[in-house]
Amino acid sequence: FMMLSLEFDHSCQYDYVEVRDGESLNSRVIGRYCGNERPPSIKSTGSSLHILFISDGYKNFDGFFAIFQESS
């Protein structure tokens, strides 16, 4: 993540980005992120990450910006 600016809640239940290791909602959850603190670099076990963004629309923040790149 280059930038993360979402509503903060200790359980990240209102606005969050959830990252899964694979192509679908059935893939293993790597993490759920909210607030302003960027998570550390995320590595997948394959060539896909599933990114789910949820917002309740109540409070507005800047959102998030992430880059996905292949490592060798």
PDB file of N, CA and C in Angstrom:
ATOM      1  N   PHE A   1       0.841  -1.183   0.000  1.00  0.00           N
ATOM      2  CA  PHE A   1       0.000   0.000   0.000  1.00  0.00           C
ATOM      3  C   PHE A   1       0.879   1.237   0.000  1.00  0.00           C
ATOM      4  N   MET A   2       0.589   2.139  -0.899  1.00  0.00           N
ATOM      5  CA  MET A   2       1.290   3.414  -0.938  1.00  0.00           C
ATOM      6  C   MET A   2       0.586   4.432  -0.043  1.00  0.00           C
ATOM      7  N   MET A   3      -0.742   4.292   0.094  1.00  0.00           N
ATOM      8  CA  MET A   3      -1.525   5.215   0.902  1.00  0.00           C
ATOM      9  C   MET A   3      -2.760   4.491   1.421  1.00  0.00           C
ATOM     10  N   LEU A   4      -3.091   4.754   2.688  1.00  0.00           N
ATOM     11  CA  LEU A   4      -4.304   4.205   3.285  1.00  0.00           C
ATOM     12  C   LEU A   4      -4.919   5.289   4.154  1.00  0.00           C
ATOM     13  N   SER A   5      -6.134   5.676   3.837  1.00  0.00           N
ATOM     14  CA  SER A   5      -6.839   6.711   4.597  1.00  0.00           C
ATOM     15  C   SER A   5      -8.322   6.351   4.639  1.00  0.00           C
ATOM     16  N   LEU A   6      -8.680   5.546   5.654  1.00  0.00           N
ATOM     17  CA  LEU A   6     -10.052   5.078   5.829  1.00  0.00           C
ATOM     18  C   LEU A   6     -10.492   5.346   7.263  1.00  0.00           C
ATOM     19  N   GLU A   7     -11.791   5.325   7.488  1.00  0.00           N
ATOM     20  CA  GLU A   7     -12.317   5.487   8.845  1.00  0.00           C
ATOM     21  C   GLU A   7     -11.705   4.424   9.753  1.00  0.00           C
ATOM     22  N   PHE A   8     -11.237   4.837  10.944  1.00  0.00           N
ATOM     23  CA  PHE A   8     -10.626   3.880  11.869  1.00  0.00           C
ATOM     24  C   PHE A   8     -11.659   3.335  12.844  1.00  0.00           C
ATOM     25  N   ASP A   9     -11.595   2.049  13.057  1.00  0.00           N
ATOM     26  CA  ASP A   9     -12.360   1.346  14.081  1.00  0.00           C
ATOM     27  C   ASP A   9     -11.499   0.159  14.490  1.00  0.00           C
ATOM     28  N   HIS A  10     -11.430  -0.159  15.784  1.00  0.00           N
ATOM     29  CA  HIS A  10     -10.534  -1.228  16.250  1.00  0.00           C
ATOM     30  C   HIS A  10     -10.770  -2.560  15.540  1.00  0.00           C
ATOM     31  N   SER A  11     -12.000  -2.832  15.151  1.00  0.00           N
ATOM     32  CA  SER A  11     -12.281  -4.091  14.458  1.00  0.00           C
ATOM     33  C   SER A  11     -12.429  -3.908  12.950  1.00  0.00           C
ATOM     34  N   CYS A  12     -12.173  -2.691  12.450  1.00  0.00           N
ATOM     35  CA  CYS A  12     -12.282  -2.396  11.011  1.00  0.00           C
ATOM     36  C   CYS A  12     -13.612  -2.905  10.446  1.00  0.00           C
ATOM     37  N   GLN A  13     -14.714  -2.507  11.067  1.00  0.00           N
ATOM     38  CA  GLN A  13     -16.011  -3.024  10.619  1.00  0.00           C
ATOM     39  C   GLN A  13     -16.780  -2.080   9.708  1.00  0.00           C
ATOM     40  N   TYR A  14     -16.422  -0.784   9.665  1.00  0.00           N
ATOM     41  CA  TYR A  14     -17.198   0.179   8.880  1.00  0.00           C
ATOM     42  C   TYR A  14     -16.603   0.435   7.496  1.00  0.00           C
ATOM     43  N   ASP A  15     -15.352   0.821   7.442  1.00  0.00           N
ATOM     44  CA  ASP A  15     -14.629   1.034   6.180  1.00  0.00           C
ATOM     45  C   ASP A  15     -13.344   0.223   6.258  1.00  0.00           C
ATOM     46  N   TYR A  16     -13.084  -0.594   5.261  1.00  0.00           N
ATOM     47  CA  TYR A  16     -11.853  -1.383   5.304  1.00  0.00           C
ATOM     48  C   TYR A  16     -11.487  -1.909   3.925  1.00  0.00           C
ATOM     49  N   VAL A  17     -10.230  -2.306   3.813  1.00  0.00           N
ATOM     50  CA  VAL A  17      -9.726  -3.038   2.655  1.00  0.00           C
ATOM     51  C   VAL A  17      -9.321  -4.408   3.178  1.00  0.00           C
ATOM     52  N   GLU A  18      -9.866  -5.449   2.572  1.00  0.00           N
ATOM     53  CA  GLU A  18      -9.513  -6.811   2.961  1.00  0.00           C
ATOM     54  C   GLU A  18      -8.729  -7.445   1.821  1.00  0.00           C
ATOM     55  N   VAL A  19      -7.605  -8.043   2.157  1.00  0.00           N
ATOM     56  CA  VAL A  19      -6.734  -8.662   1.155  1.00  0.00           C
ATOM     57  C   VAL A  19      -6.736 -10.169   1.378  1.00  0.00           C
ATOM     58  N   ARG A  20      -6.986 -10.904   0.293  1.00  0.00           N
ATOM     59  CA  ARG A  20      -6.991 -12.369   0.348  1.00  0.00           C
ATOM     60  C   ARG A  20      -5.941 -12.935  -0.603  1.00  0.00           C
ATOM     61  N   ASP A  21      -5.369 -14.050  -0.221  1.00  0.00           N
ATOM     62  CA  ASP A  21      -4.302 -14.695  -0.980  1.00  0.00           C
ATOM     63  C   ASP A  21      -4.899 -15.632  -2.024  1.00  0.00           C
ATOM     64  N   GLY A  22      -5.321 -15.069  -3.154  1.00  0.00           N
ATOM     65  CA  GLY A  22      -5.926 -15.869  -4.210  1.00  0.00           C
ATOM     66  C   GLY A  22      -6.907 -15.041  -5.006  1.00  0.00           C
ATOM     67  N   GLU A  23      -7.730 -15.713  -5.798  1.00  0.00           N
ATOM     68  CA  GLU A  23      -8.601 -15.024  -6.754  1.00  0.00           C
ATOM     69  C   GLU A  23     -10.008 -14.740  -6.249  1.00  0.00           C
ATOM     70  N   SER A  24     -10.417 -15.266  -5.098  1.00  0.00           N
ATOM     71  CA  SER A  24     -11.837 -15.168  -4.739  1.00  0.00           C
ATOM     72  C   SER A  24     -12.053 -14.877  -3.259  1.00  0.00           C
ATOM     73  N   LEU A  25     -13.327 -14.690  -2.908  1.00  0.00           N
ATOM     74  CA  LEU A  25     -13.713 -14.491  -1.508  1.00  0.00           C
ATOM     75  C   LEU A  25     -13.480 -15.737  -0.664  1.00  0.00           C
ATOM     76  N   ASN A  26     -13.261 -16.870  -1.313  1.00  0.00           N
ATOM     77  CA  ASN A  26     -12.985 -18.109  -0.582  1.00  0.00           C
ATOM     78  C   ASN A  26     -11.514 -18.270  -0.236  1.00  0.00           C
ATOM     79  N   SER A  27     -10.667 -17.394  -0.753  1.00  0.00           N
ATOM     80  CA  SER A  27      -9.227 -17.480  -0.499  1.00  0.00           C
ATOM     81  C   SER A  27      -8.911 -17.056   0.935  1.00  0.00           C
ATOM     82  N   ARG A  28      -7.751 -17.463   1.412  1.00  0.00           N
ATOM     83  CA  ARG A  28      -7.309 -17.165   2.781  1.00  0.00           C
ATOM     84  C   ARG A  28      -7.141 -15.662   2.976  1.00  0.00           C
ATOM     85  N   VAL A  29      -7.666 -15.149   4.090  1.00  0.00           N
ATOM     86  CA  VAL A  29      -7.535 -13.726   4.406  1.00  0.00           C
ATOM     87  C   VAL A  29      -6.116 -13.440   4.890  1.00  0.00           C
ATOM     88  N   ILE A  30      -5.451 -12.495   4.237  1.00  0.00           N
ATOM     89  CA  ILE A  30      -4.132 -12.038   4.679  1.00  0.00           C
ATOM     90  C   ILE A  30      -4.299 -10.965   5.740  1.00  0.00           C
ATOM     91  N   GLY A  31      -5.233 -10.038   5.513  1.00  0.00           N
ATOM     92  CA  GLY A  31      -5.455  -8.983   6.493  1.00  0.00           C
ATOM     93  C   GLY A  31      -6.619  -8.096   6.131  1.00  0.00           C
ATOM     94  N   ARG A  32      -7.102  -7.392   7.149  1.00  0.00           N
ATOM     95  CA  ARG A  32      -8.154  -6.381   6.982  1.00  0.00           C
ATOM     96  C   ARG A  32      -7.582  -5.086   7.543  1.00  0.00           C
ATOM     97  N   TYR A  33      -7.621  -4.014   6.738  1.00  0.00           N
ATOM     98  CA  TYR A  33      -6.924  -2.785   7.086  1.00  0.00           C
ATOM     99  C   TYR A  33      -7.866  -1.591   7.053  1.00  0.00           C
ATOM    100  N   CYS A  34      -7.678  -0.690   8.018  1.00  0.00           N
ATOM    101  CA  CYS A  34      -8.444   0.551   8.079  1.00  0.00           C
ATOM    102  C   CYS A  34      -7.590   1.601   8.783  1.00  0.00           C
ATOM    103  N   GLY A  35      -8.102   2.814   8.864  1.00  0.00           N
ATOM    104  CA  GLY A  35      -7.354   3.888   9.512  1.00  0.00           C
ATOM    105  C   GLY A  35      -6.331   4.504   8.575  1.00  0.00           C
ATOM    106  N   ASN A  36      -5.242   5.032   9.154  1.00  0.00           N
ATOM    107  CA  ASN A  36      -4.221   5.745   8.371  1.00  0.00           C
ATOM    108  C   ASN A  36      -2.889   5.014   8.300  1.00  0.00           C
ATOM    109  N   GLU A  37      -2.729   3.938   9.056  1.00  0.00           N
ATOM    110  CA  GLU A  37      -1.432   3.264   9.106  1.00  0.00           C
ATOM    111  C   GLU A  37      -1.327   2.234   7.986  1.00  0.00           C
ATOM    112  N   ARG A  38      -0.345   2.451   7.106  1.00  0.00           N
ATOM    113  CA  ARG A  38      -0.152   1.516   5.993  1.00  0.00           C
ATOM    114  C   ARG A  38       0.345   0.176   6.522  1.00  0.00           C
ATOM    115  N   PRO A  39      -0.203  -0.919   6.006  1.00  0.00           N
ATOM    116  CA  PRO A  39       0.311  -2.232   6.405  1.00  0.00           C
ATOM    117  C   PRO A  39       1.673  -2.477   5.761  1.00  0.00           C
ATOM    118  N   PRO A  40       2.439  -3.432   6.298  1.00  0.00           N
ATOM    119  CA  PRO A  40       3.705  -3.795   5.653  1.00  0.00           C
ATOM    120  C   PRO A  40       3.437  -4.418   4.282  1.00  0.00           C
ATOM    121  N   SER A  41       4.478  -4.607   3.505  1.00  0.00           N
ATOM    122  CA  SER A  41       4.336  -5.241   2.185  1.00  0.00           C
ATOM    123  C   SER A  41       3.644  -6.590   2.326  1.00  0.00           C
ATOM    124  N   ILE A  42       2.804  -6.893   1.362  1.00  0.00           N
ATOM    125  CA  ILE A  42       2.024  -8.130   1.370  1.00  0.00           C
ATOM    126  C   ILE A  42       2.528  -9.017   0.241  1.00  0.00           C
ATOM    127  N   LYS A  43       2.725 -10.295   0.539  1.00  0.00           N
ATOM    128  CA  LYS A  43       3.171 -11.243  -0.485  1.00  0.00           C
ATOM    129  C   LYS A  43       2.139 -12.348  -0.623  1.00  0.00           C
ATOM    130  N   SER A  44       1.819 -12.665  -1.865  1.00  0.00           N
ATOM    131  CA  SER A  44       0.891 -13.766  -2.134  1.00  0.00           C
ATOM    132  C   SER A  44       1.680 -15.045  -2.364  1.00  0.00           C
ATOM    133  N   THR A  45       1.008 -16.183  -2.225  1.00  0.00           N
ATOM    134  CA  THR A  45       1.667 -17.455  -2.501  1.00  0.00           C
ATOM    135  C   THR A  45       1.600 -17.801  -3.979  1.00  0.00           C
ATOM    136  N   GLY A  46       0.777 -17.073  -4.733  1.00  0.00           N
ATOM    137  CA  GLY A  46       0.632 -17.311  -6.167  1.00  0.00           C
ATOM    138  C   GLY A  46       0.681 -16.008  -6.928  1.00  0.00           C
ATOM    139  N   SER A  47      -0.073 -15.939  -8.017  1.00  0.00           N
ATOM    140  CA  SER A  47      -0.035 -14.752  -8.878  1.00  0.00           C
ATOM    141  C   SER A  47      -1.254 -13.851  -8.709  1.00  0.00           C
ATOM    142  N   SER A  48      -2.086 -14.108  -7.688  1.00  0.00           N
ATOM    143  CA  SER A  48      -3.315 -13.327  -7.524  1.00  0.00           C
ATOM    144  C   SER A  48      -3.525 -12.894  -6.082  1.00  0.00           C
ATOM    145  N   LEU A  49      -4.098 -11.712  -5.937  1.00  0.00           N
ATOM    146  CA  LEU A  49      -4.612 -11.233  -4.659  1.00  0.00           C
ATOM    147  C   LEU A  49      -6.040 -10.765  -4.900  1.00  0.00           C
ATOM    148  N   HIS A  50      -6.926 -11.060  -3.974  1.00  0.00           N
ATOM    149  CA  HIS A  50      -8.310 -10.575  -4.048  1.00  0.00           C
ATOM    150  C   HIS A  50      -8.414  -9.387  -3.100  1.00  0.00           C
ATOM    151  N   ILE A  51      -8.785  -8.222  -3.634  1.00  0.00           N
ATOM    152  CA  ILE A  51      -8.900  -7.001  -2.844  1.00  0.00           C
ATOM    153  C   ILE A  51     -10.377  -6.639  -2.736  1.00  0.00           C
ATOM    154  N   LEU A  52     -10.877  -6.536  -1.510  1.00  0.00           N
ATOM    155  CA  LEU A  52     -12.267  -6.168  -1.261  1.00  0.00           C
ATOM    156  C   LEU A  52     -12.284  -4.855  -0.490  1.00  0.00           C
ATOM    157  N   PHE A  53     -12.955  -3.841  -1.037  1.00  0.00           N
ATOM    158  CA  PHE A  53     -13.091  -2.548  -0.366  1.00  0.00           C
ATOM    159  C   PHE A  53     -14.531  -2.382   0.084  1.00  0.00           C
ATOM    160  N   ILE A  54     -14.713  -2.112   1.376  1.00  0.00           N
ATOM    161  CA  ILE A  54     -16.039  -1.914   1.955  1.00  0.00           C
ATOM    162  C   ILE A  54     -16.085  -0.537   2.604  1.00  0.00           C
ATOM    163  N   SER A  55     -17.166   0.194   2.351  1.00  0.00           N
ATOM    164  CA  SER A  55     -17.378   1.488   2.999  1.00  0.00           C
ATOM    165  C   SER A  55     -18.850   1.625   3.363  1.00  0.00           C
ATOM    166  N   ASP A  56     -19.105   2.125   4.569  1.00  0.00           N
ATOM    167  CA  ASP A  56     -20.493   2.361   4.963  1.00  0.00           C
ATOM    168  C   ASP A  56     -21.010   3.698   4.439  1.00  0.00           C
ATOM    169  N   GLY A  57     -20.125   4.521   3.860  1.00  0.00           N
ATOM    170  CA  GLY A  57     -20.525   5.789   3.267  1.00  0.00           C
ATOM    171  C   GLY A  57     -20.836   6.884   4.264  1.00  0.00           C
ATOM    172  N   TYR A  58     -20.619   6.623   5.554  1.00  0.00           N
ATOM    173  CA  TYR A  58     -20.974   7.589   6.583  1.00  0.00           C
ATOM    174  C   TYR A  58     -19.939   8.705   6.713  1.00  0.00           C
ATOM    175  N   LYS A  59     -18.669   8.340   6.782  1.00  0.00           N
ATOM    176  CA  LYS A  59     -17.585   9.326   6.860  1.00  0.00           C
ATOM    177  C   LYS A  59     -16.722   9.181   5.616  1.00  0.00           C
ATOM    178  N   ASN A  60     -16.249  10.299   5.087  1.00  0.00           N
ATOM    179  CA  ASN A  60     -15.448  10.277   3.867  1.00  0.00           C
ATOM    180  C   ASN A  60     -13.974  10.510   4.164  1.00  0.00           C
ATOM    181  N   PHE A  61     -13.146   9.629   3.643  1.00  0.00           N
ATOM    182  CA  PHE A  61     -11.697   9.749   3.721  1.00  0.00           C
ATOM    183  C   PHE A  61     -11.149   9.595   2.308  1.00  0.00           C
ATOM    184  N   ASP A  62      -9.836   9.664   2.150  1.00  0.00           N
ATOM    185  CA  ASP A  62      -9.221   9.630   0.819  1.00  0.00           C
ATOM    186  C   ASP A  62      -9.224   8.251   0.167  1.00  0.00           C
ATOM    187  N   GLY A  63      -9.338   7.174   0.943  1.00  0.00           N
ATOM    188  CA  GLY A  63      -9.358   5.837   0.362  1.00  0.00           C
ATOM    189  C   GLY A  63      -8.015   5.141   0.466  1.00  0.00           C
ATOM    190  N   PHE A  64      -7.618   4.454  -0.596  1.00  0.00           N
ATOM    191  CA  PHE A  64      -6.335   3.746  -0.577  1.00  0.00           C
ATOM    192  C   PHE A  64      -5.740   3.719  -1.973  1.00  0.00           C
ATOM    193  N   PHE A  65      -4.440   3.495  -1.999  1.00  0.00           N
ATOM    194  CA  PHE A  65      -3.702   3.344  -3.251  1.00  0.00           C
ATOM    195  C   PHE A  65      -2.702   2.223  -3.032  1.00  0.00           C
ATOM    196  N   ALA A  66      -2.746   1.217  -3.881  1.00  0.00           N
ATOM    197  CA  ALA A  66      -1.855   0.064  -3.742  1.00  0.00           C
ATOM    198  C   ALA A  66      -1.253  -0.290  -5.096  1.00  0.00           C
ATOM    199  N   ILE A  67      -0.086  -0.892  -5.055  1.00  0.00           N
ATOM    200  CA  ILE A  67       0.609  -1.355  -6.260  1.00  0.00           C
ATOM    201  C   ILE A  67       0.835  -2.854  -6.123  1.00  0.00           C
ATOM    202  N   PHE A  68       0.529  -3.584  -7.191  1.00  0.00           N
ATOM    203  CA  PHE A  68       0.774  -5.023  -7.234  1.00  0.00           C
ATOM    204  C   PHE A  68       1.898  -5.255  -8.225  1.00  0.00           C
ATOM    205  N   GLN A  69       2.965  -5.891  -7.780  1.00  0.00           N
ATOM    206  CA  GLN A  69       4.072  -6.159  -8.706  1.00  0.00           C
ATOM    207  C   GLN A  69       4.614  -7.561  -8.486  1.00  0.00           C
ATOM    208  N   GLU A  70       5.129  -8.119  -9.567  1.00  0.00           N
ATOM    209  CA  GLU A  70       5.729  -9.450  -9.528  1.00  0.00           C
ATOM    210  C   GLU A  70       7.145  -9.340  -8.985  1.00  0.00           C
ATOM    211  N   SER A  71       7.494 -10.255  -8.101  1.00  0.00           N
ATOM    212  CA  SER A  71       8.876 -10.280  -7.611  1.00  0.00           C
ATOM    213  C   SER A  71       9.576 -11.499  -8.195  1.00  0.00           C
ATOM    214  N   SER A  72      10.875 -11.416  -8.271  1.00  0.00           N
ATOM    215  CA  SER A  72      11.623 -12.533  -8.872  1.00  0.00           C
ATOM    216  C   SER A  72      12.325 -13.352  -7.827  1.00  0.00           C
TER     217      SER A  72
END
